[in-house]
Amino acid sequence: MAPIWYRLGATALRSAQVVRAQSVLYAVGGLYGNIEALEAIDKRARAESSKPTIVFNGDFNFLNARSDWWRELNTHIHANHVATAGNVELESVASEPTGLGCGCGYPESVSRGIVQ
C-alpha cells in the first residue's frame, strides 16, 4: 500500500493547475525515463498541424538512474511540457525512504520476482 502522504486532499485538487489544450492534447503516462521515447513523442508533436499540449501524468522517471540522465529528462519535460508527480517522482523527493523502491506499493501477495 502506498504511504498516506501520497494522497491529495480536496484543497490540493481545488488548487491544481488547469491545463487547457488549444487543439491537441497528448496525455503521456509511464515514460519511465526513456529518453528515446521522449524524443519520439516530441517528433510526433512537431508533425502536428498545430502545437499540441503535452501532459506527463507521472512516472516519467525511473530508468534514467544516472544523475545526468535524470537532469536531462526533467529539465526538458519541465521546460517544455506540463507534468504531474507519480509515485516514482514522489519517492525521489521523500524526506525519509519508505522502503517501497519505486513507490508502487505492491501488496505482499505479489512476489519480488514479479516486481523486478
C-alpha atoms as a PDB file:
ATOM      1  CA  MET A   1       0.000   0.000   0.000  1.00  0.00           C
ATOM      2  CA  ALA A   2       1.227   3.477  -0.839  1.00  0.00           C
ATOM      3  CA  PRO A   3       2.131   5.810   2.035  1.00  0.00           C
ATOM      4  CA  ILE A   4      -0.572   8.161   3.300  1.00  0.00           C
ATOM      5  CA  TRP A   5       1.437  11.208   2.196  1.00  0.00           C
ATOM      6  CA  TYR A   6       0.928  10.165  -1.456  1.00  0.00           C
ATOM      7  CA  ARG A   7      -2.740  11.122  -1.129  1.00  0.00           C
ATOM      8  CA  LEU A   8      -4.023  14.522  -2.155  1.00  0.00           C
ATOM      9  CA  GLY A   9      -6.796  16.213  -0.270  1.00  0.00           C
ATOM     10  CA  ALA A  10      -9.649  18.289  -1.623  1.00  0.00           C
ATOM     11  CA  THR A  11      -7.683  21.529  -1.184  1.00  0.00           C
ATOM     12  CA  ALA A  12      -4.880  20.281  -3.440  1.00  0.00           C
ATOM     13  CA  LEU A  13      -7.355  19.196  -6.080  1.00  0.00           C
ATOM     14  CA  ARG A  14      -9.210  22.521  -5.958  1.00  0.00           C
ATOM     15  CA  SER A  15      -5.975  24.486  -6.334  1.00  0.00           C
ATOM     16  CA  ALA A  16      -4.438  22.270  -9.024  1.00  0.00           C
ATOM     17  CA  GLN A  17      -3.341  23.849 -12.273  1.00  0.00           C
ATOM     18  CA  VAL A  18      -5.952  23.698 -15.016  1.00  0.00           C
ATOM     19  CA  VAL A  19      -4.478  22.730 -18.369  1.00  0.00           C
ATOM     20  CA  ARG A  20      -6.358  23.722 -21.484  1.00  0.00           C
ATOM     21  CA  ALA A  21      -5.199  22.480 -24.848  1.00  0.00           C
ATOM     22  CA  GLN A  22      -5.684  24.814 -27.808  1.00  0.00           C
ATOM     23  CA  SER A  23      -6.330  21.923 -30.165  1.00  0.00           C
ATOM     24  CA  VAL A  24      -4.489  18.652 -29.487  1.00  0.00           C
ATOM     25  CA  LEU A  25      -3.687  17.101 -26.115  1.00  0.00           C
ATOM     26  CA  TYR A  26      -1.163  14.330 -25.574  1.00  0.00           C
ATOM     27  CA  ALA A  27      -1.504  12.609 -22.188  1.00  0.00           C
ATOM     28  CA  VAL A  28       1.693  10.646 -21.606  1.00  0.00           C
ATOM     29  CA  GLY A  29       1.881   8.109 -18.813  1.00  0.00           C
ATOM     30  CA  GLY A  30       4.697   5.847 -17.698  1.00  0.00           C
ATOM     31  CA  LEU A  31       7.635   7.209 -19.703  1.00  0.00           C
ATOM     32  CA  TYR A  32       9.918   5.699 -17.017  1.00  0.00           C
ATOM     33  CA  GLY A  33      12.971   7.674 -18.091  1.00  0.00           C
ATOM     34  CA  ASN A  34      13.012   6.510 -21.699  1.00  0.00           C
ATOM     35  CA  ILE A  35      14.797   9.381 -23.477  1.00  0.00           C
ATOM     36  CA  GLU A  36      14.281   7.798 -26.908  1.00  0.00           C
ATOM     37  CA  ALA A  37      10.528   7.602 -26.300  1.00  0.00           C
ATOM     38  CA  LEU A  38      10.536  11.260 -25.206  1.00  0.00           C
ATOM     39  CA  GLU A  39      12.299  12.184 -28.450  1.00  0.00           C
ATOM     40  CA  ALA A  40       9.703  10.193 -30.435  1.00  0.00           C
ATOM     41  CA  ILE A  41       6.852  11.992 -28.628  1.00  0.00           C
ATOM     42  CA  ASP A  42       8.408  15.377 -29.368  1.00  0.00           C
ATOM     43  CA  LYS A  43       8.991  14.410 -33.018  1.00  0.00           C
ATOM     44  CA  ARG A  44       5.380  13.329 -33.414  1.00  0.00           C
ATOM     45  CA  ALA A  45       4.199  16.546 -31.743  1.00  0.00           C
ATOM     46  CA  ARG A  46       6.254  18.637 -34.199  1.00  0.00           C
ATOM     47  CA  ALA A  47       4.426  16.881 -37.066  1.00  0.00           C
ATOM     48  CA  GLU A  48       1.013  18.078 -35.837  1.00  0.00           C
ATOM     49  CA  SER A  49      -0.605  20.915 -37.799  1.00  0.00           C
ATOM     50  CA  SER A  50      -0.914  22.898 -34.546  1.00  0.00           C
ATOM     51  CA  LYS A  51       1.288  22.659 -31.481  1.00  0.00           C
ATOM     52  CA  PRO A  52      -0.126  20.079 -29.060  1.00  0.00           C
ATOM     53  CA  THR A  53      -0.204  20.430 -25.302  1.00  0.00           C
ATOM     54  CA  ILE A  54       1.742  17.522 -23.796  1.00  0.00           C
ATOM     55  CA  VAL A  55       0.971  16.457 -20.219  1.00  0.00           C
ATOM     56  CA  PHE A  56       3.076  13.832 -18.471  1.00  0.00           C
ATOM     57  CA  ASN A  57       0.844  12.266 -15.840  1.00  0.00           C
ATOM     58  CA  GLY A  58       3.531  10.892 -13.559  1.00  0.00           C
ATOM     59  CA  ASP A  59       6.165   8.181 -13.558  1.00  0.00           C
ATOM     60  CA  PHE A  60       8.205   9.825 -16.262  1.00  0.00           C
ATOM     61  CA  ASN A  61      11.331   8.893 -14.293  1.00  0.00           C
ATOM     62  CA  PHE A  62      12.813   5.543 -13.301  1.00  0.00           C
ATOM     63  CA  LEU A  63      15.231   4.010 -15.797  1.00  0.00           C
ATOM     64  CA  ASN A  64      17.086   7.321 -16.085  1.00  0.00           C
ATOM     65  CA  ALA A  65      19.025   6.331 -12.976  1.00  0.00           C
ATOM     66  CA  ARG A  66      22.182   8.339 -13.657  1.00  0.00           C
ATOM     67  CA  SER A  67      22.021  11.894 -12.366  1.00  0.00           C
ATOM     68  CA  ASP A  68      22.823  13.400 -15.787  1.00  0.00           C
ATOM     69  CA  TRP A  69      20.027  11.369 -17.430  1.00  0.00           C
ATOM     70  CA  TRP A  70      17.613  12.390 -14.653  1.00  0.00           C
ATOM     71  CA  ARG A  71      18.560  16.062 -15.042  1.00  0.00           C
ATOM     72  CA  GLU A  72      18.293  15.959 -18.869  1.00  0.00           C
ATOM     73  CA  LEU A  73      14.850  14.381 -18.890  1.00  0.00           C
ATOM     74  CA  ASN A  74      13.387  16.513 -16.093  1.00  0.00           C
ATOM     75  CA  THR A  75      14.832  19.760 -17.447  1.00  0.00           C
ATOM     76  CA  HIS A  76      13.312  19.052 -20.852  1.00  0.00           C
ATOM     77  CA  ILE A  77       9.896  17.991 -19.563  1.00  0.00           C
ATOM     78  CA  HIS A  78       9.510  20.862 -17.090  1.00  0.00           C
ATOM     79  CA  ALA A  79      10.726  23.469 -19.620  1.00  0.00           C
ATOM     80  CA  ASN A  80       8.508  22.313 -22.484  1.00  0.00           C
ATOM     81  CA  HIS A  81       5.538  20.419 -21.114  1.00  0.00           C
ATOM     82  CA  VAL A  82       3.178  20.018 -18.156  1.00  0.00           C
ATOM     83  CA  ALA A  83       3.882  17.289 -15.594  1.00  0.00           C
ATOM     84  CA  THR A  84       2.313  15.801 -12.519  1.00  0.00           C
ATOM     85  CA  ALA A  85       4.188  13.710  -9.985  1.00  0.00           C
ATOM     86  CA  GLY A  86       3.724   9.964  -9.962  1.00  0.00           C
ATOM     87  CA  ASN A  87       4.877   7.542  -7.296  1.00  0.00           C
ATOM     88  CA  VAL A  88       8.404   7.435  -8.775  1.00  0.00           C
ATOM     89  CA  GLU A  89       8.722  11.211  -8.539  1.00  0.00           C
ATOM     90  CA  LEU A  90       7.273  11.244  -5.012  1.00  0.00           C
ATOM     91  CA  GLU A  91       9.715   8.554  -3.866  1.00  0.00           C
ATOM     92  CA  SER A  92      12.610  10.504  -5.360  1.00  0.00           C
ATOM     93  CA  VAL A  93      11.903  13.509  -3.123  1.00  0.00           C
ATOM     94  CA  ALA A  94      10.835  11.646   0.017  1.00  0.00           C
ATOM     95  CA  SER A  95      12.494  13.022   3.141  1.00  0.00           C
ATOM     96  CA  GLU A  96      12.523   9.515   4.610  1.00  0.00           C
ATOM     97  CA  PRO A  97      12.869   6.368   2.468  1.00  0.00           C
ATOM     98  CA  THR A  98       9.620   4.412   2.502  1.00  0.00           C
ATOM     99  CA  GLY A  99      11.269   1.142   1.530  1.00  0.00           C
ATOM    100  CA  LEU A 100       8.870   0.845  -1.397  1.00  0.00           C
ATOM    101  CA  GLY A 101      11.594   1.274  -4.037  1.00  0.00           C
ATOM    102  CA  CYS A 102       9.660   2.643  -6.985  1.00  0.00           C
ATOM    103  CA  GLY A 103       6.773   3.528  -4.720  1.00  0.00           C
ATOM    104  CA  CYS A 104       4.459   1.108  -6.459  1.00  0.00           C
ATOM    105  CA  GLY A 105       3.189  -0.296  -3.180  1.00  0.00           C
ATOM    106  CA  TYR A 106       2.554  -3.819  -4.432  1.00  0.00           C
ATOM    107  CA  PRO A 107       0.679  -5.971  -1.898  1.00  0.00           C
ATOM    108  CA  GLU A 108       2.618  -8.685  -0.069  1.00  0.00           C
ATOM    109  CA  SER A 109       0.897 -11.330  -2.209  1.00  0.00           C
ATOM    110  CA  VAL A 110       2.933 -10.149  -5.238  1.00  0.00           C
ATOM    111  CA  SER A 111       6.371 -11.780  -5.248  1.00  0.00           C
ATOM    112  CA  ARG A 112       9.572  -9.728  -5.518  1.00  0.00           C
ATOM    113  CA  GLY A 113      10.380 -11.654  -8.707  1.00  0.00           C
ATOM    114  CA  ILE A 114       7.262 -10.281 -10.421  1.00  0.00           C
ATOM    115  CA  VAL A 115       8.077  -6.743  -9.338  1.00  0.00           C
ATOM    116  CA  GLN A 116      11.659  -6.911 -10.561  1.00  0.00           C
END
